[in-house]
PDB file of N, CA and C in Angstrom:
ATOM      1  N   UNK A   1     -15.106  31.870  83.293  1.00  0.00           N
ATOM      2  CA  UNK A   1     -14.365  30.813  83.835  1.00  0.00           C
ATOM      3  C   UNK A   1     -15.317  29.614  84.214  1.00  0.00           C
ATOM      4  N   UNK A   2     -16.629  29.904  84.578  1.00  0.00           N
ATOM      5  CA  UNK A   2     -17.536  28.858  84.726  1.00  0.00           C
ATOM      6  C   UNK A   2     -17.612  27.871  83.663  1.00  0.00           C
ATOM      7  N   UNK A   3     -17.890  28.461  82.418  1.00  0.00           N
ATOM      8  CA  UNK A   3     -18.019  27.601  81.258  1.00  0.00           C
ATOM      9  C   UNK A   3     -16.827  26.735  80.981  1.00  0.00           C
ATOM     10  N   UNK A   4     -15.642  27.360  81.087  1.00  0.00           N
ATOM     11  CA  UNK A   4     -14.345  26.540  80.889  1.00  0.00           C
ATOM     12  C   UNK A   4     -14.515  25.333  81.655  1.00  0.00           C
ATOM     13  N   UNK A   5     -14.769  25.503  82.966  1.00  0.00           N
ATOM     14  CA  UNK A   5     -14.945  24.321  83.912  1.00  0.00           C
ATOM     15  C   UNK A   5     -16.068  23.445  83.441  1.00  0.00           C
ATOM     16  N   UNK A   6     -17.169  23.888  82.810  1.00  0.00           N
ATOM     17  CA  UNK A   6     -18.340  23.065  82.230  1.00  0.00           C
ATOM     18  C   UNK A   6     -17.821  22.390  81.190  1.00  0.00           C
ATOM     19  N   UNK A   7     -16.944  22.946  80.249  1.00  0.00           N
ATOM     20  CA  UNK A   7     -16.469  22.231  79.054  1.00  0.00           C
ATOM     21  C   UNK A   7     -15.599  21.089  79.501  1.00  0.00           C
ATOM     22  N   UNK A   8     -14.695  21.331  80.538  1.00  0.00           N
ATOM     23  CA  UNK A   8     -13.730  20.224  80.996  1.00  0.00           C
ATOM     24  C   UNK A   8     -14.587  19.119  81.681  1.00  0.00           C
ATOM     25  N   UNK A   9     -15.429  19.528  82.441  1.00  0.00           N
ATOM     26  CA  UNK A   9     -16.487  18.680  83.020  1.00  0.00           C
ATOM     27  C   UNK A   9     -17.189  17.741  81.928  1.00  0.00           C
ATOM     28  N   UNK A  10     -17.636  18.396  80.970  1.00  0.00           N
ATOM     29  CA  UNK A  10     -18.439  17.668  79.902  1.00  0.00           C
ATOM     30  C   UNK A  10     -17.500  16.626  79.342  1.00  0.00           C
ATOM     31  N   UNK A  11     -16.271  16.976  78.906  1.00  0.00           N
ATOM     32  CA  UNK A  11     -15.437  16.073  78.343  1.00  0.00           C
ATOM     33  C   UNK A  11     -15.010  14.836  79.162  1.00  0.00           C
ATOM     34  N   UNK A  12     -14.919  15.021  80.404  1.00  0.00           N
ATOM     35  CA  UNK A  12     -14.510  14.030  81.368  1.00  0.00           C
ATOM     36  C   UNK A  12     -15.742  13.134  81.606  1.00  0.00           C
ATOM     37  N   UNK A  13     -17.081  13.790  81.820  1.00  0.00           N
ATOM     38  CA  UNK A  13     -18.165  12.980  81.949  1.00  0.00           C
ATOM     39  C   UNK A  13     -18.578  12.175  80.825  1.00  0.00           C
ATOM     40  N   UNK A  14     -18.475  12.695  79.628  1.00  0.00           N
ATOM     41  CA  UNK A  14     -18.733  11.995  78.471  1.00  0.00           C
ATOM     42  C   UNK A  14     -17.803  10.802  78.238  1.00  0.00           C
ATOM     43  N   UNK A  15     -16.530  10.986  78.535  1.00  0.00           N
ATOM     44  CA  UNK A  15     -15.639   9.821  78.456  1.00  0.00           C
ATOM     45  C   UNK A  15     -16.000   8.743  79.538  1.00  0.00           C
ATOM     46  N   UNK A  16     -16.278   9.079  80.606  1.00  0.00           N
ATOM     47  CA  UNK A  16     -16.758   8.267  81.757  1.00  0.00           C
ATOM     48  C   UNK A  16     -18.127   7.501  81.321  1.00  0.00           C
ATOM     49  N   UNK A  17     -19.026   8.104  80.831  1.00  0.00           N
ATOM     50  CA  UNK A  17     -20.261   7.559  80.520  1.00  0.00           C
ATOM     51  C   UNK A  17     -20.174   6.735  79.222  1.00  0.00           C
ATOM     52  N   UNK A  18     -19.261   7.003  78.244  1.00  0.00           N
ATOM     53  CA  UNK A  18     -19.114   6.310  77.188  1.00  0.00           C
ATOM     54  C   UNK A  18     -18.413   4.858  77.646  1.00  0.00           C
ATOM     55  N   UNK A  19     -17.520   4.898  78.596  1.00  0.00           N
ATOM     56  CA  UNK A  19     -17.015   3.721  79.061  1.00  0.00           C
ATOM     57  C   UNK A  19     -17.920   2.754  79.773  1.00  0.00           C
ATOM     58  N   UNK A  20     -18.877   3.464  80.572  1.00  0.00           N
ATOM     59  CA  UNK A  20     -19.987   2.632  81.110  1.00  0.00           C
ATOM     60  C   UNK A  20     -20.917   1.976  80.028  1.00  0.00           C
ATOM     61  N   UNK A  21     -21.295   2.756  79.068  1.00  0.00           N
ATOM     62  CA  UNK A  21     -22.158   2.336  77.960  1.00  0.00           C
ATOM     63  C   UNK A  21     -21.470   1.214  77.282  1.00  0.00           C
ATOM     64  N   UNK A  22     -20.173   1.396  76.989  1.00  0.00           N
ATOM     65  CA  UNK A  22     -19.537   0.280  76.224  1.00  0.00           C
ATOM     66  C   UNK A  22     -19.306  -1.083  77.094  1.00  0.00           C
ATOM     67  N   UNK A  23     -19.270  -0.822  78.317  1.00  0.00           N
ATOM     68  CA  UNK A  23     -19.202  -1.858  79.304  1.00  0.00           C
ATOM     69  C   UNK A  23     -20.510  -2.816  79.204  1.00  0.00           C
ATOM     70  N   UNK A  24     -21.588  -2.172  79.182  1.00  0.00           N
ATOM     71  CA  UNK A  24     -22.863  -2.721  79.236  1.00  0.00           C
ATOM     72  C   UNK A  24     -23.382  -3.047  77.882  1.00  0.00           C
ATOM     73  N   UNK A  25     -22.911  -2.288  76.754  1.00  0.00           N
ATOM     74  CA  UNK A  25     -23.400  -2.516  75.536  1.00  0.00           C
ATOM     75  C   UNK A  25     -23.058  -3.789  74.734  1.00  0.00           C
ATOM     76  N   UNK A  26     -23.939  -4.194  73.946  1.00  0.00           N
ATOM     77  CA  UNK A  26     -23.706  -5.504  73.214  1.00  0.00           C
ATOM     78  C   UNK A  26     -22.919  -5.178  71.870  1.00  0.00           C
ATOM     79  N   UNK A  27     -22.805  -6.186  71.043  1.00  0.00           N
ATOM     80  CA  UNK A  27     -22.132  -5.944  69.757  1.00  0.00           C
ATOM     81  C   UNK A  27     -22.759  -4.860  68.885  1.00  0.00           C
ATOM     82  N   UNK A  28     -24.037  -4.698  68.865  1.00  0.00           N
ATOM     83  CA  UNK A  28     -24.731  -3.668  68.055  1.00  0.00           C
ATOM     84  C   UNK A  28     -24.259  -2.195  68.687  1.00  0.00           C
ATOM     85  N   UNK A  29     -24.303  -2.097  69.849  1.00  0.00           N
ATOM     86  CA  UNK A  29     -23.871  -0.743  70.509  1.00  0.00           C
ATOM     87  C   UNK A  29     -22.468  -0.475  70.182  1.00  0.00           C
ATOM     88  N   UNK A  30     -21.507  -1.519  70.196  1.00  0.00           N
ATOM     89  CA  UNK A  30     -20.135  -1.335  70.043  1.00  0.00           C
ATOM     90  C   UNK A  30     -19.830  -1.084  68.424  1.00  0.00           C
ATOM     91  N   UNK A  31     -20.547  -1.642  67.661  1.00  0.00           N
ATOM     92  CA  UNK A  31     -20.584  -1.476  66.102  1.00  0.00           C
ATOM     93  C   UNK A  31     -20.892  -0.012  65.844  1.00  0.00           C
ATOM     94  N   UNK A  32     -21.998   0.430  66.529  1.00  0.00           N
ATOM     95  CA  UNK A  32     -22.424   1.709  66.292  1.00  0.00           C
ATOM     96  C   UNK A  32     -21.320   2.852  66.568  1.00  0.00           C
ATOM     97  N   UNK A  33     -20.848   2.615  67.808  1.00  0.00           N
ATOM     98  CA  UNK A  33     -19.728   3.569  68.289  1.00  0.00           C
ATOM     99  C   UNK A  33     -18.633   3.515  67.329  1.00  0.00           C
ATOM    100  N   UNK A  34     -18.157   2.351  66.864  1.00  0.00           N
ATOM    101  CA  UNK A  34     -17.049   2.264  65.851  1.00  0.00           C
ATOM    102  C   UNK A  34     -17.394   2.878  64.524  1.00  0.00           C
ATOM    103  N   UNK A  35     -18.676   2.799  64.044  1.00  0.00           N
ATOM    104  CA  UNK A  35     -19.097   3.453  62.853  1.00  0.00           C
ATOM    105  C   UNK A  35     -19.037   4.916  63.017  1.00  0.00           C
ATOM    106  N   UNK A  36     -19.537   5.401  64.137  1.00  0.00           N
ATOM    107  CA  UNK A  36     -19.637   6.770  64.446  1.00  0.00           C
ATOM    108  C   UNK A  36     -18.201   7.316  64.354  1.00  0.00           C
ATOM    109  N   UNK A  37     -17.282   6.743  65.013  1.00  0.00           N
ATOM    110  CA  UNK A  37     -15.894   7.161  64.968  1.00  0.00           C
ATOM    111  C   UNK A  37     -15.279   7.179  63.556  1.00  0.00           C
ATOM    112  N   UNK A  38     -15.546   6.038  62.766  1.00  0.00           N
ATOM    113  CA  UNK A  38     -15.065   5.979  61.416  1.00  0.00           C
ATOM    114  C   UNK A  38     -15.578   6.985  60.513  1.00  0.00           C
ATOM    115  N   UNK A  39     -16.803   7.374  60.720  1.00  0.00           N
ATOM    116  CA  UNK A  39     -17.502   8.306  59.869  1.00  0.00           C
ATOM    117  C   UNK A  39     -16.876   9.645  59.856  1.00  0.00           C
ATOM    118  N   UNK A  40     -16.298  10.050  60.959  1.00  0.00           N
ATOM    119  CA  UNK A  40     -15.710  11.525  61.093  1.00  0.00           C
ATOM    120  C   UNK A  40     -14.351  11.478  60.717  1.00  0.00           C
ATOM    121  N   UNK A  41     -13.708  10.444  60.268  1.00  0.00           N
ATOM    122  CA  UNK A  41     -12.289  10.387  59.848  1.00  0.00           C
ATOM    123  C   UNK A  41     -12.136  11.053  58.398  1.00  0.00           C
ATOM    124  N   UNK A  42     -10.886  11.431  58.099  1.00  0.00           N
ATOM    125  CA  UNK A  42     -10.726  12.066  56.783  1.00  0.00           C
ATOM    126  C   UNK A  42     -11.124  11.063  55.689  1.00  0.00           C
ATOM    127  N   UNK A  43     -11.634  11.579  54.606  1.00  0.00           N
ATOM    128  CA  UNK A  43     -11.987  10.733  53.506  1.00  0.00           C
ATOM    129  C   UNK A  43     -12.116  11.843  52.289  1.00  0.00           C
ATOM    130  N   UNK A  44     -13.064  11.642  51.427  1.00  0.00           N
ATOM    131  CA  UNK A  44     -13.314  12.683  50.363  1.00  0.00           C
ATOM    132  C   UNK A  44     -13.546  14.027  51.032  1.00  0.00           C
ATOM    133  N   UNK A  45     -14.186  14.040  52.190  1.00  0.00           N
ATOM    134  CA  UNK A  45     -14.293  15.234  53.000  1.00  0.00           C
ATOM    135  C   UNK A  45     -13.363  15.154  54.206  1.00  0.00           C
ATOM    136  N   UNK A  46     -12.791  16.235  54.518  1.00  0.00           N
ATOM    137  CA  UNK A  46     -11.856  16.386  55.567  1.00  0.00           C
ATOM    138  C   UNK A  46     -12.633  15.989  56.929  1.00  0.00           C
ATOM    139  N   UNK A  47     -11.841  15.538  58.047  1.00  0.00           N
ATOM    140  CA  UNK A  47     -12.563  15.473  59.226  1.00  0.00           C
ATOM    141  C   UNK A  47     -13.110  16.821  59.721  1.00  0.00           C
ATOM    142  N   UNK A  48     -12.436  17.891  59.480  1.00  0.00           N
ATOM    143  CA  UNK A  48     -12.930  19.190  59.976  1.00  0.00           C
ATOM    144  C   UNK A  48     -14.271  19.522  59.106  1.00  0.00           C
ATOM    145  N   UNK A  49     -14.463  19.255  58.006  1.00  0.00           N
ATOM    146  CA  UNK A  49     -15.697  19.438  57.290  1.00  0.00           C
ATOM    147  C   UNK A  49     -16.608  18.637  57.954  1.00  0.00           C
ATOM    148  N   UNK A  50     -16.409  17.349  58.219  1.00  0.00           N
ATOM    149  CA  UNK A  50     -17.469  16.394  58.748  1.00  0.00           C
ATOM    150  C   UNK A  50     -17.754  16.833  60.192  1.00  0.00           C
ATOM    151  N   UNK A  51     -16.910  17.351  60.908  1.00  0.00           N
ATOM    152  CA  UNK A  51     -17.294  17.959  62.270  1.00  0.00           C
ATOM    153  C   UNK A  51     -18.251  19.089  62.109  1.00  0.00           C
ATOM    154  N   UNK A  52     -17.977  19.900  61.125  1.00  0.00           N
ATOM    155  CA  UNK A  52     -18.910  21.084  60.950  1.00  0.00           C
ATOM    156  C   UNK A  52     -20.334  20.448  60.515  1.00  0.00           C
ATOM    157  N   UNK A  53     -20.322  19.549  59.559  1.00  0.00           N
ATOM    158  CA  UNK A  53     -21.608  19.003  59.222  1.00  0.00           C
ATOM    159  C   UNK A  53     -22.308  18.362  60.530  1.00  0.00           C
ATOM    160  N   UNK A  54     -21.516  17.631  61.377  1.00  0.00           N
ATOM    161  CA  UNK A  54     -22.089  17.195  62.511  1.00  0.00           C
ATOM    162  C   UNK A  54     -22.576  18.161  63.504  1.00  0.00           C
ATOM    163  N   UNK A  55     -21.910  19.367  63.580  1.00  0.00           N
ATOM    164  CA  UNK A  55     -22.461  20.521  64.380  1.00  0.00           C
ATOM    165  C   UNK A  55     -23.753  20.993  63.808  1.00  0.00           C
ATOM    166  N   UNK A  56     -23.882  21.251  62.490  1.00  0.00           N
ATOM    167  CA  UNK A  56     -25.132  21.622  61.863  1.00  0.00           C
ATOM    168  C   UNK A  56     -26.223  20.703  62.102  1.00  0.00           C
ATOM    169  N   UNK A  57     -25.976  19.477  61.873  1.00  0.00           N
ATOM    170  CA  UNK A  57     -27.037  18.549  62.163  1.00  0.00           C
ATOM    171  C   UNK A  57     -27.514  18.502  63.711  1.00  0.00           C
ATOM    172  N   UNK A  58     -26.563  18.603  64.537  1.00  0.00           N
ATOM    173  CA  UNK A  58     -26.853  18.633  66.065  1.00  0.00           C
ATOM    174  C   UNK A  58     -27.544  19.971  66.301  1.00  0.00           C
ATOM    175  N   UNK A  59     -27.274  21.103  65.713  1.00  0.00           N
ATOM    176  CA  UNK A  59     -28.007  22.320  66.031  1.00  0.00           C
ATOM    177  C   UNK A  59     -29.468  22.084  65.506  1.00  0.00           C
ATOM    178  N   UNK A  60     -29.520  21.677  64.333  1.00  0.00           N
ATOM    179  CA  UNK A  60     -30.919  21.421  63.784  1.00  0.00           C
ATOM    180  C   UNK A  60     -31.753  20.528  64.642  1.00  0.00           C
ATOM    181  N   UNK A  61     -31.078  19.389  65.210  1.00  0.00           N
ATOM    182  CA  UNK A  61     -31.856  18.377  66.062  1.00  0.00           C
ATOM    183  C   UNK A  61     -31.952  18.916  67.423  1.00  0.00           C
ATOM    184  N   UNK A  62     -31.283  19.804  67.693  1.00  0.00           N
ATOM    185  CA  UNK A  62     -31.293  20.558  69.093  1.00  0.00           C
ATOM    186  C   UNK A  62     -30.824  19.729  70.238  1.00  0.00           C
ATOM    187  N   UNK A  63     -29.726  19.043  69.986  1.00  0.00           N
ATOM    188  CA  UNK A  63     -29.184  18.202  70.981  1.00  0.00           C
ATOM    189  C   UNK A  63     -27.888  18.895  71.536  1.00  0.00           C
ATOM    190  N   UNK A  64     -28.142  19.461  72.717  1.00  0.00           N
ATOM    191  CA  UNK A  64     -27.042  20.236  73.317  1.00  0.00           C
ATOM    192  C   UNK A  64     -25.761  19.380  73.600  1.00  0.00           C
ATOM    193  N   UNK A  65     -25.809  18.070  73.994  1.00  0.00           N
ATOM    194  CA  UNK A  65     -24.515  17.433  74.175  1.00  0.00           C
ATOM    195  C   UNK A  65     -23.880  17.180  72.888  1.00  0.00           C
ATOM    196  N   UNK A  66     -24.594  16.941  71.831  1.00  0.00           N
ATOM    197  CA  UNK A  66     -23.924  16.713  70.541  1.00  0.00           C
ATOM    198  C   UNK A  66     -23.427  18.011  70.042  1.00  0.00           C
ATOM    199  N   UNK A  67     -24.077  19.240  70.146  1.00  0.00           N
ATOM    200  CA  UNK A  67     -23.597  20.363  69.750  1.00  0.00           C
ATOM    201  C   UNK A  67     -22.243  20.696  70.524  1.00  0.00           C
ATOM    202  N   UNK A  68     -22.225  20.480  71.838  1.00  0.00           N
ATOM    203  CA  UNK A  68     -20.883  20.867  72.472  1.00  0.00           C
ATOM    204  C   UNK A  68     -19.804  19.806  72.071  1.00  0.00           C
ATOM    205  N   UNK A  69     -20.095  18.533  71.934  1.00  0.00           N
ATOM    206  CA  UNK A  69     -19.178  17.632  71.497  1.00  0.00           C
ATOM    207  C   UNK A  69     -18.635  18.053  69.972  1.00  0.00           C
ATOM    208  N   UNK A  70     -19.424  18.282  69.164  1.00  0.00           N
ATOM    209  CA  UNK A  70     -18.941  18.668  67.739  1.00  0.00           C
ATOM    210  C   UNK A  70     -18.277  19.994  67.830  1.00  0.00           C
ATOM    211  N   UNK A  71     -18.752  20.880  68.626  1.00  0.00           N
ATOM    212  CA  UNK A  71     -18.189  22.218  68.623  1.00  0.00           C
ATOM    213  C   UNK A  71     -16.744  22.126  69.183  1.00  0.00           C
ATOM    214  N   UNK A  72     -16.554  21.226  70.287  1.00  0.00           N
ATOM    215  CA  UNK A  72     -15.046  21.119  70.815  1.00  0.00           C
ATOM    216  C   UNK A  72     -14.139  20.507  69.698  1.00  0.00           C
ATOM    217  N   UNK A  73     -14.878  19.474  68.905  1.00  0.00           N
ATOM    218  CA  UNK A  73     -13.992  18.840  67.799  1.00  0.00           C
ATOM    219  C   UNK A  73     -13.683  19.840  66.623  1.00  0.00           C
ATOM    220  N   UNK A  74     -14.633  20.705  66.481  1.00  0.00           N
ATOM    221  CA  UNK A  74     -14.385  21.776  65.446  1.00  0.00           C
ATOM    222  C   UNK A  74     -13.271  22.637  65.798  1.00  0.00           C
ATOM    223  N   UNK A  75     -13.376  23.131  67.106  1.00  0.00           N
ATOM    224  CA  UNK A  75     -12.323  23.966  67.674  1.00  0.00           C
ATOM    225  C   UNK A  75     -10.953  23.279  67.554  1.00  0.00           C
ATOM    226  N   UNK A  76     -10.915  21.961  67.881  1.00  0.00           N
ATOM    227  CA  UNK A  76      -9.673  21.179  68.014  1.00  0.00           C
ATOM    228  C   UNK A  76      -9.210  21.109  66.502  1.00  0.00           C
ATOM    229  N   UNK A  77      -9.946  21.052  65.574  1.00  0.00           N
ATOM    230  CA  UNK A  77      -9.642  20.753  64.223  1.00  0.00           C
ATOM    231  C   UNK A  77      -9.317  22.147  63.448  1.00  0.00           C
ATOM    232  N   UNK A  78      -9.401  23.202  64.218  1.00  0.00           N
ATOM    233  CA  UNK A  78      -9.010  24.556  63.538  1.00  0.00           C
ATOM    234  C   UNK A  78     -10.165  25.319  62.788  1.00  0.00           C
ATOM    235  N   UNK A  79     -11.346  25.038  63.111  1.00  0.00           N
ATOM    236  CA  UNK A  79     -12.445  25.730  62.512  1.00  0.00           C
ATOM    237  C   UNK A  79     -12.250  27.176  62.925  1.00  0.00           C
ATOM    238  N   UNK A  80     -12.457  28.049  61.876  1.00  0.00           N
ATOM    239  CA  UNK A  80     -12.301  29.505  62.241  1.00  0.00           C
ATOM    240  C   UNK A  80     -13.601  30.096  62.673  1.00  0.00           C
ATOM    241  N   UNK A  81     -13.671  31.181  63.127  1.00  0.00           N
ATOM    242  CA  UNK A  81     -14.904  32.032  63.606  1.00  0.00           C
ATOM    243  C   UNK A  81     -15.843  32.175  62.383  1.00  0.00           C
ATOM    244  N   UNK A  82     -15.149  32.528  61.262  1.00  0.00           N
ATOM    245  CA  UNK A  82     -15.978  32.760  60.011  1.00  0.00           C
ATOM    246  C   UNK A  82     -16.535  31.456  59.597  1.00  0.00           C
ATOM    247  N   UNK A  83     -15.802  30.363  59.521  1.00  0.00           N
ATOM    248  CA  UNK A  83     -16.342  29.119  59.232  1.00  0.00           C
ATOM    249  C   UNK A  83     -17.526  28.541  60.127  1.00  0.00           C
ATOM    250  N   UNK A  84     -17.364  28.794  61.427  1.00  0.00           N
ATOM    251  CA  UNK A  84     -18.440  28.592  62.482  1.00  0.00           C
ATOM    252  C   UNK A  84     -19.606  29.308  62.137  1.00  0.00           C
ATOM    253  N   UNK A  85     -19.446  30.613  61.959  1.00  0.00           N
ATOM    254  CA  UNK A  85     -20.635  31.515  61.563  1.00  0.00           C
ATOM    255  C   UNK A  85     -21.335  31.006  60.454  1.00  0.00           C
ATOM    256  N   UNK A  86     -20.720  30.587  59.404  1.00  0.00           N
ATOM    257  CA  UNK A  86     -21.403  30.132  58.144  1.00  0.00           C
ATOM    258  C   UNK A  86     -22.080  28.793  58.371  1.00  0.00           C
ATOM    259  N   UNK A  87     -21.441  27.935  59.155  1.00  0.00           N
ATOM    260  CA  UNK A  87     -22.096  26.711  59.475  1.00  0.00           C
ATOM    261  C   UNK A  87     -23.275  26.788  60.338  1.00  0.00           C
ATOM    262  N   UNK A  88     -23.256  27.725  61.292  1.00  0.00           N
ATOM    263  CA  UNK A  88     -24.357  28.139  62.209  1.00  0.00           C
ATOM    264  C   UNK A  88     -25.514  28.860  61.427  1.00  0.00           C
ATOM    265  N   UNK A  89     -25.128  29.495  60.322  1.00  0.00           N
ATOM    266  CA  UNK A  89     -26.187  30.130  59.541  1.00  0.00           C
ATOM    267  C   UNK A  89     -27.051  29.201  58.787  1.00  0.00           C
ATOM    268  N   UNK A  90     -26.279  28.046  58.395  1.00  0.00           N
ATOM    269  CA  UNK A  90     -26.944  26.932  57.741  1.00  0.00           C
ATOM    270  C   UNK A  90     -27.940  26.307  58.571  1.00  0.00           C
ATOM    271  N   UNK A  91     -27.527  25.977  59.790  1.00  0.00           N
ATOM    272  CA  UNK A  91     -28.351  25.500  60.742  1.00  0.00           C
ATOM    273  C   UNK A  91     -29.561  26.238  61.112  1.00  0.00           C
ATOM    274  N   UNK A  92     -29.350  27.430  61.189  1.00  0.00           N
ATOM    275  CA  UNK A  92     -30.477  28.348  61.371  1.00  0.00           C
ATOM    276  C   UNK A  92     -31.530  28.334  60.239  1.00  0.00           C
ATOM    277  N   UNK A  93     -31.087  28.411  59.021  1.00  0.00           N
ATOM    278  CA  UNK A  93     -31.974  28.418  57.950  1.00  0.00           C
ATOM    279  C   UNK A  93     -32.622  27.054  57.903  1.00  0.00           C
ATOM    280  N   UNK A  94     -31.896  25.958  58.070  1.00  0.00           N
ATOM    281  CA  UNK A  94     -32.487  24.705  58.082  1.00  0.00           C
ATOM    282  C   UNK A  94     -33.493  24.384  59.242  1.00  0.00           C
ATOM    283  N   UNK A  95     -33.118  24.861  60.229  1.00  0.00           N
ATOM    284  CA  UNK A  95     -33.919  24.535  61.615  1.00  0.00           C
ATOM    285  C   UNK A  95     -34.923  25.541  61.972  1.00  0.00           C
ATOM    286  N   UNK A  96     -34.678  26.828  61.599  1.00  0.00           N
ATOM    287  CA  UNK A  96     -35.604  27.861  61.956  1.00  0.00           C
ATOM    288  C   UNK A  96     -35.169  28.538  63.234  1.00  0.00           C
ATOM    289  N   UNK A  97     -36.000  29.321  63.848  1.00  0.00           N
ATOM    290  CA  UNK A  97     -35.827  30.131  64.970  1.00  0.00           C
ATOM    291  C   UNK A  97     -35.699  29.303  66.221  1.00  0.00           C
ATOM    292  N   UNK A  98     -36.091  28.047  66.226  1.00  0.00           N
ATOM    293  CA  UNK A  98     -36.084  27.169  67.512  1.00  0.00           C
ATOM    294  C   UNK A  98     -34.620  27.019  67.712  1.00  0.00           C
ATOM    295  N   UNK A  99     -33.710  27.107  66.727  1.00  0.00           N
ATOM    296  CA  UNK A  99     -32.298  26.706  66.829  1.00  0.00           C
ATOM    297  C   UNK A  99     -31.668  27.847  67.657  1.00  0.00           C
ATOM    298  N   UNK A 100     -32.145  29.078  67.697  1.00  0.00           N
ATOM    299  CA  UNK A 100     -31.542  30.222  68.402  1.00  0.00           C
ATOM    300  C   UNK A 100     -31.068  30.025  69.695  1.00  0.00           C
ATOM    301  N   UNK A 101     -31.794  29.360  70.678  1.00  0.00           N
ATOM    302  CA  UNK A 101     -31.328  29.052  71.980  1.00  0.00           C
ATOM    303  C   UNK A 101     -30.079  28.338  71.954  1.00  0.00           C
ATOM    304  N   UNK A 102     -29.964  27.354  71.144  1.00  0.00           N
ATOM    305  CA  UNK A 102     -28.872  26.487  70.854  1.00  0.00           C
ATOM    306  C   UNK A 102     -27.633  27.218  70.393  1.00  0.00           C
ATOM    307  N   UNK A 103     -27.938  28.118  69.538  1.00  0.00           N
ATOM    308  CA  UNK A 103     -26.818  28.978  68.972  1.00  0.00           C
ATOM    309  C   UNK A 103     -26.197  29.797  70.053  1.00  0.00           C
ATOM    310  N   UNK A 104     -27.009  30.319  70.920  1.00  0.00           N
ATOM    311  CA  UNK A 104     -26.611  31.176  72.093  1.00  0.00           C
ATOM    312  C   UNK A 104     -25.522  30.382  72.960  1.00  0.00           C
ATOM    313  N   UNK A 105     -26.050  29.167  73.234  1.00  0.00           N
ATOM    314  CA  UNK A 105     -25.033  28.324  74.217  1.00  0.00           C
ATOM    315  C   UNK A 105     -23.823  27.980  73.302  1.00  0.00           C
ATOM    316  N   UNK A 106     -24.040  27.618  72.202  1.00  0.00           N
ATOM    317  CA  UNK A 106     -22.876  27.285  71.224  1.00  0.00           C
ATOM    318  C   UNK A 106     -21.789  28.403  71.237  1.00  0.00           C
ATOM    319  N   UNK A 107     -22.250  29.628  70.920  1.00  0.00           N
ATOM    320  CA  UNK A 107     -21.520  30.734  70.740  1.00  0.00           C
ATOM    321  C   UNK A 107     -20.759  31.056  72.128  1.00  0.00           C
ATOM    322  N   UNK A 108     -21.449  30.798  73.349  1.00  0.00           N
ATOM    323  CA  UNK A 108     -20.959  31.013  74.596  1.00  0.00           C
ATOM    324  C   UNK A 108     -19.779  29.950  74.914  1.00  0.00           C
ATOM    325  N   UNK A 109     -19.927  28.807  74.416  1.00  0.00           N
ATOM    326  CA  UNK A 109     -18.864  27.697  74.538  1.00  0.00           C
ATOM    327  C   UNK A 109     -17.693  28.057  73.704  1.00  0.00           C
ATOM    328  N   UNK A 110     -18.107  28.658  72.504  1.00  0.00           N
ATOM    329  CA  UNK A 110     -16.981  28.992  71.461  1.00  0.00           C
ATOM    330  C   UNK A 110     -16.084  29.982  72.120  1.00  0.00           C
ATOM    331  N   UNK A 111     -16.685  31.054  72.724  1.00  0.00           N
ATOM    332  CA  UNK A 111     -15.902  32.101  73.370  1.00  0.00           C
ATOM    333  C   UNK A 111     -15.080  31.502  74.438  1.00  0.00           C
ATOM    334  N   UNK A 112     -15.517  30.528  75.170  1.00  0.00           N
ATOM    335  CA  UNK A 112     -14.797  29.839  76.328  1.00  0.00           C
ATOM    336  C   UNK A 112     -13.584  29.155  75.688  1.00  0.00           C
ATOM    337  N   UNK A 113     -13.876  28.414  74.583  1.00  0.00           N
ATOM    338  CA  UNK A 113     -12.863  27.439  73.942  1.00  0.00           C
ATOM    339  C   UNK A 113     -11.752  28.543  73.426  1.00  0.00           C
ATOM    340  N   UNK A 114     -12.176  29.447  72.726  1.00  0.00           N
ATOM    341  CA  UNK A 114     -11.312  30.425  72.079  1.00  0.00           C
ATOM    342  C   UNK A 114     -10.361  31.037  73.163  1.00  0.00           C
ATOM    343  N   UNK A 115     -10.904  31.163  74.345  1.00  0.00           N
ATOM    344  CA  UNK A 115     -10.026  31.741  75.413  1.00  0.00           C
ATOM    345  C   UNK A 115      -8.923  30.847  75.729  1.00  0.00           C
ATOM    346  N   UNK A 116      -8.930  29.589  75.418  1.00  0.00           N
ATOM    347  CA  UNK A 116      -8.055  28.521  75.743  1.00  0.00           C
ATOM    348  C   UNK A 116      -6.755  28.632  74.724  1.00  0.00           C
ATOM    349  N   UNK A 117      -6.934  29.281  73.336  1.00  0.00           N
ATOM    350  CA  UNK A 117      -5.967  29.289  72.488  1.00  0.00           C
ATOM    351  C   UNK A 117      -4.797  30.227  72.941  1.00  0.00           C
TER     352      UNK A 117
END
């Protein structure tokens, strides 16, 4: 139950902080946010595939906030456990053993999200 509350808190806090960032951000910041949003829309690759790519990149870069964000989006786009496992393996191969602590937290969040289905 603790992690479910953490995920809900994460979503709310991210939204709050994005609002503050956009309030203070200049044109460059706002353009970057728009570019980020547009990048993950359906195109030659589906938004689901793009979110999995974002998750892999975030795991390799070891950004816990980004991992959680992309994991939530993967979940919402219907990524299966098997798809998640294969994506995580790519991150592990690309990033090496330093990725393992982030995989642990990711799978913990995944279990909590899966409990919401």
